[in-house]
């Protein structure tokens, strides 16, 4: 899956809870984990931030492994605006 394929999808599950999906298994698992511990608006904000992070970073989620790369990408994103 390419990074540009990430699309934020919002839906309600059978229990009525809001479910966020980006389409990448690692990110979806993290959003599920976060949803158990956070409010829906927090999960939505994190999902959007992840989508933007991978759009700016130019790499698919499985290829981002080192913290140095993440920091470098975040630094370049904040200086570009």
N, C-alpha and C. Protein backbone atom coordinates (compact mmCIF):
# COMPACT_ATOMS: atom_id res chain seq x y z
N UNK A 1 0.84 -1.17 0.00
CA UNK A 1 0.00 0.00 0.00
C UNK A 1 0.89 1.24 0.00
N UNK A 2 0.61 2.16 -0.87
CA UNK A 2 1.36 3.40 -0.93
C UNK A 2 0.83 4.37 0.11
N UNK A 3 1.67 5.27 0.52
CA UNK A 3 1.26 6.23 1.55
C UNK A 3 0.10 7.08 1.07
N UNK A 4 0.00 7.33 -0.22
CA UNK A 4 -1.06 8.20 -0.70
C UNK A 4 -2.42 7.49 -0.72
N UNK A 5 -2.45 6.20 -0.44
CA UNK A 5 -3.70 5.45 -0.40
C UNK A 5 -4.44 5.63 0.93
N UNK A 6 -3.79 6.28 1.91
CA UNK A 6 -4.42 6.45 3.21
C UNK A 6 -5.62 7.36 3.10
N UNK A 7 -6.76 6.85 3.52
CA UNK A 7 -8.00 7.62 3.47
C UNK A 7 -8.69 7.45 4.81
N UNK A 8 -8.97 8.54 5.46
CA UNK A 8 -9.62 8.48 6.77
C UNK A 8 -11.09 8.14 6.59
N UNK A 9 -11.48 7.02 7.20
CA UNK A 9 -12.87 6.57 7.14
C UNK A 9 -13.44 6.55 8.54
N UNK A 10 -14.61 7.14 8.69
CA UNK A 10 -15.31 7.14 9.98
C UNK A 10 -16.60 6.36 9.84
N UNK A 11 -16.87 5.52 10.82
CA UNK A 11 -18.11 4.73 10.81
C UNK A 11 -18.50 4.44 12.25
N UNK A 12 -19.71 3.96 12.41
CA UNK A 12 -20.17 3.55 13.74
C UNK A 12 -20.28 2.03 13.75
N UNK A 13 -19.75 1.42 14.80
CA UNK A 13 -19.85 -0.03 14.93
C UNK A 13 -21.20 -0.40 15.53
N UNK A 14 -21.45 -1.67 15.71
CA UNK A 14 -22.74 -2.16 16.20
C UNK A 14 -23.10 -1.58 17.57
N UNK A 15 -22.09 -1.31 18.39
CA UNK A 15 -22.37 -0.76 19.72
C UNK A 15 -22.62 0.73 19.70
N UNK A 16 -22.45 1.37 18.53
CA UNK A 16 -22.68 2.80 18.40
C UNK A 16 -21.44 3.64 18.57
N UNK A 17 -20.31 3.00 18.87
CA UNK A 17 -19.05 3.73 19.01
C UNK A 17 -18.51 4.14 17.65
N UNK A 18 -17.82 5.27 17.62
CA UNK A 18 -17.20 5.76 16.39
C UNK A 18 -15.92 4.98 16.12
N UNK A 19 -15.73 4.52 14.89
CA UNK A 19 -14.55 3.75 14.50
C UNK A 19 -13.82 4.52 13.41
N UNK A 20 -12.51 4.71 13.58
CA UNK A 20 -11.68 5.40 12.59
C UNK A 20 -10.77 4.37 11.92
N UNK A 21 -10.63 4.48 10.62
CA UNK A 21 -9.75 3.60 9.85
C UNK A 21 -8.97 4.43 8.84
N UNK A 22 -7.69 4.07 8.65
CA UNK A 22 -6.86 4.70 7.63
C UNK A 22 -6.54 3.74 6.48
N UNK A 23 -6.76 2.47 6.68
CA UNK A 23 -6.51 1.50 5.63
C UNK A 23 -5.16 0.81 5.71
N UNK A 24 -4.35 1.15 6.70
CA UNK A 24 -3.06 0.48 6.92
C UNK A 24 -3.20 -0.31 8.23
N UNK A 25 -2.92 -1.61 8.20
CA UNK A 25 -3.15 -2.44 9.39
C UNK A 25 -2.49 -1.92 10.67
N UNK A 26 -1.25 -1.45 10.58
CA UNK A 26 -0.56 -0.96 11.77
C UNK A 26 -1.24 0.29 12.33
N UNK A 27 -1.63 1.18 11.46
CA UNK A 27 -2.27 2.42 11.90
C UNK A 27 -3.67 2.15 12.43
N UNK A 28 -4.40 1.26 11.78
CA UNK A 28 -5.74 0.92 12.24
C UNK A 28 -5.69 0.27 13.63
N UNK A 29 -4.70 -0.59 13.85
CA UNK A 29 -4.55 -1.22 15.17
C UNK A 29 -4.25 -0.18 16.23
N UNK A 30 -3.41 0.81 15.89
CA UNK A 30 -3.10 1.86 16.85
C UNK A 30 -4.34 2.70 17.15
N UNK A 31 -5.13 3.01 16.14
CA UNK A 31 -6.35 3.78 16.36
C UNK A 31 -7.35 3.02 17.22
N UNK A 32 -7.43 1.70 17.05
CA UNK A 32 -8.29 0.88 17.91
C UNK A 32 -7.81 0.93 19.35
N UNK A 33 -6.49 0.80 19.53
CA UNK A 33 -5.89 0.89 20.86
C UNK A 33 -6.20 2.23 21.50
N UNK A 34 -6.04 3.29 20.74
CA UNK A 34 -6.28 4.64 21.23
C UNK A 34 -7.76 4.88 21.57
N UNK A 35 -8.64 4.30 20.78
CA UNK A 35 -10.08 4.49 20.98
C UNK A 35 -10.56 3.95 22.32
N UNK A 36 -9.88 2.94 22.83
CA UNK A 36 -10.26 2.36 24.12
C UNK A 36 -9.92 3.32 25.27
N UNK A 37 -8.89 4.14 25.06
CA UNK A 37 -8.38 4.99 26.13
C UNK A 37 -8.67 6.47 25.96
N UNK A 38 -9.26 6.86 24.84
CA UNK A 38 -9.43 8.28 24.55
C UNK A 38 -10.83 8.61 24.06
N UNK A 39 -11.12 9.87 24.02
CA UNK A 39 -12.40 10.34 23.51
C UNK A 39 -12.39 10.35 21.98
N UNK A 40 -13.55 10.29 21.34
CA UNK A 40 -13.62 10.23 19.87
C UNK A 40 -12.91 11.38 19.16
N UNK A 41 -12.99 12.59 19.71
CA UNK A 41 -12.31 13.72 19.06
C UNK A 41 -10.80 13.56 19.08
N UNK A 42 -10.26 12.95 20.14
CA UNK A 42 -8.82 12.70 20.21
C UNK A 42 -8.42 11.69 19.15
N UNK A 43 -9.20 10.63 19.00
CA UNK A 43 -8.89 9.61 17.99
C UNK A 43 -8.96 10.22 16.59
N UNK A 44 -9.96 11.05 16.35
CA UNK A 44 -10.08 11.72 15.05
C UNK A 44 -8.87 12.61 14.79
N UNK A 45 -8.43 13.37 15.78
CA UNK A 45 -7.27 14.25 15.62
C UNK A 45 -6.00 13.44 15.34
N UNK A 46 -5.81 12.35 16.06
CA UNK A 46 -4.63 11.51 15.84
C UNK A 46 -4.68 10.87 14.45
N UNK A 47 -5.84 10.41 14.03
CA UNK A 47 -5.97 9.80 12.70
C UNK A 47 -5.62 10.82 11.62
N UNK A 48 -6.11 12.03 11.76
CA UNK A 48 -5.80 13.08 10.79
C UNK A 48 -4.30 13.39 10.81
N UNK A 49 -3.71 13.50 11.99
CA UNK A 49 -2.27 13.78 12.09
C UNK A 49 -1.44 12.67 11.45
N UNK A 50 -1.84 11.42 11.65
CA UNK A 50 -1.12 10.31 11.02
C UNK A 50 -1.22 10.37 9.50
N UNK A 51 -2.40 10.70 9.02
CA UNK A 51 -2.61 10.82 7.57
C UNK A 51 -1.70 11.90 6.99
N UNK A 52 -1.64 13.05 7.64
CA UNK A 52 -0.79 14.15 7.18
C UNK A 52 0.68 13.77 7.29
N UNK A 53 1.05 13.13 8.40
CA UNK A 53 2.44 12.72 8.61
C UNK A 53 2.94 11.83 7.47
N UNK A 54 2.15 10.85 7.08
CA UNK A 54 2.58 9.94 6.02
C UNK A 54 2.48 10.58 4.65
N UNK A 55 1.63 11.55 4.47
CA UNK A 55 1.57 12.28 3.20
C UNK A 55 2.82 13.13 3.02
N UNK A 56 3.26 13.79 4.09
CA UNK A 56 4.45 14.64 4.03
C UNK A 56 5.71 13.79 3.99
N UNK A 57 5.72 12.70 4.77
CA UNK A 57 6.91 11.85 4.86
C UNK A 57 7.25 11.12 3.58
N UNK A 58 6.25 10.80 2.78
CA UNK A 58 6.50 10.15 1.51
C UNK A 58 6.83 8.68 1.57
N UNK A 59 6.66 8.05 2.73
CA UNK A 59 6.94 6.62 2.87
C UNK A 59 5.71 5.93 3.43
N UNK A 60 5.49 4.69 3.01
CA UNK A 60 4.35 3.95 3.58
C UNK A 60 4.63 3.59 5.04
N UNK A 61 3.58 3.40 5.83
CA UNK A 61 3.75 3.13 7.26
C UNK A 61 4.75 2.02 7.61
N UNK A 62 4.78 0.88 6.91
CA UNK A 62 5.74 -0.16 7.32
C UNK A 62 7.21 0.24 7.16
N UNK A 63 7.49 1.24 6.34
CA UNK A 63 8.88 1.64 6.11
C UNK A 63 9.38 2.67 7.12
N UNK A 64 8.52 3.23 7.92
CA UNK A 64 8.94 4.21 8.93
C UNK A 64 9.18 3.46 10.22
N UNK A 65 10.46 3.31 10.57
CA UNK A 65 10.79 2.52 11.75
C UNK A 65 11.65 3.28 12.75
N UNK A 66 12.51 4.15 12.30
CA UNK A 66 13.44 4.82 13.21
C UNK A 66 12.87 6.15 13.70
N UNK A 67 13.10 6.43 14.96
CA UNK A 67 12.63 7.69 15.53
C UNK A 67 13.30 8.88 14.86
N UNK A 68 14.54 8.72 14.42
CA UNK A 68 15.25 9.81 13.76
C UNK A 68 14.51 10.23 12.50
N UNK A 69 14.04 9.27 11.72
CA UNK A 69 13.29 9.59 10.51
C UNK A 69 12.01 10.34 10.84
N UNK A 70 11.33 9.90 11.88
CA UNK A 70 10.08 10.56 12.27
C UNK A 70 10.34 12.00 12.69
N UNK A 71 11.37 12.19 13.49
CA UNK A 71 11.68 13.56 13.93
C UNK A 71 12.07 14.43 12.76
N UNK A 72 12.87 13.88 11.83
CA UNK A 72 13.29 14.64 10.66
C UNK A 72 12.09 15.03 9.82
N UNK A 73 11.15 14.12 9.64
CA UNK A 73 9.96 14.41 8.85
C UNK A 73 9.10 15.46 9.53
N UNK A 74 8.92 15.34 10.84
CA UNK A 74 8.11 16.33 11.55
C UNK A 74 8.77 17.70 11.51
N UNK A 75 10.10 17.73 11.63
CA UNK A 75 10.81 19.00 11.59
C UNK A 75 10.65 19.66 10.23
N UNK A 76 10.76 18.88 9.15
CA UNK A 76 10.62 19.45 7.81
C UNK A 76 9.19 19.91 7.56
N UNK A 77 8.21 19.24 8.13
CA UNK A 77 6.82 19.63 7.95
C UNK A 77 6.52 20.94 8.66
N UNK A 78 7.11 21.14 9.83
CA UNK A 78 6.84 22.38 10.56
C UNK A 78 7.60 23.57 9.99
N UNK A 79 8.75 23.34 9.40
CA UNK A 79 9.50 24.45 8.81
C UNK A 79 8.97 24.81 7.43
N UNK A 80 8.25 23.88 6.78
CA UNK A 80 7.73 24.15 5.43
C UNK A 80 6.51 25.07 5.48
N UNK A 81 5.84 25.13 6.62
CA UNK A 81 4.62 25.96 6.69
C UNK A 81 4.90 27.34 7.20
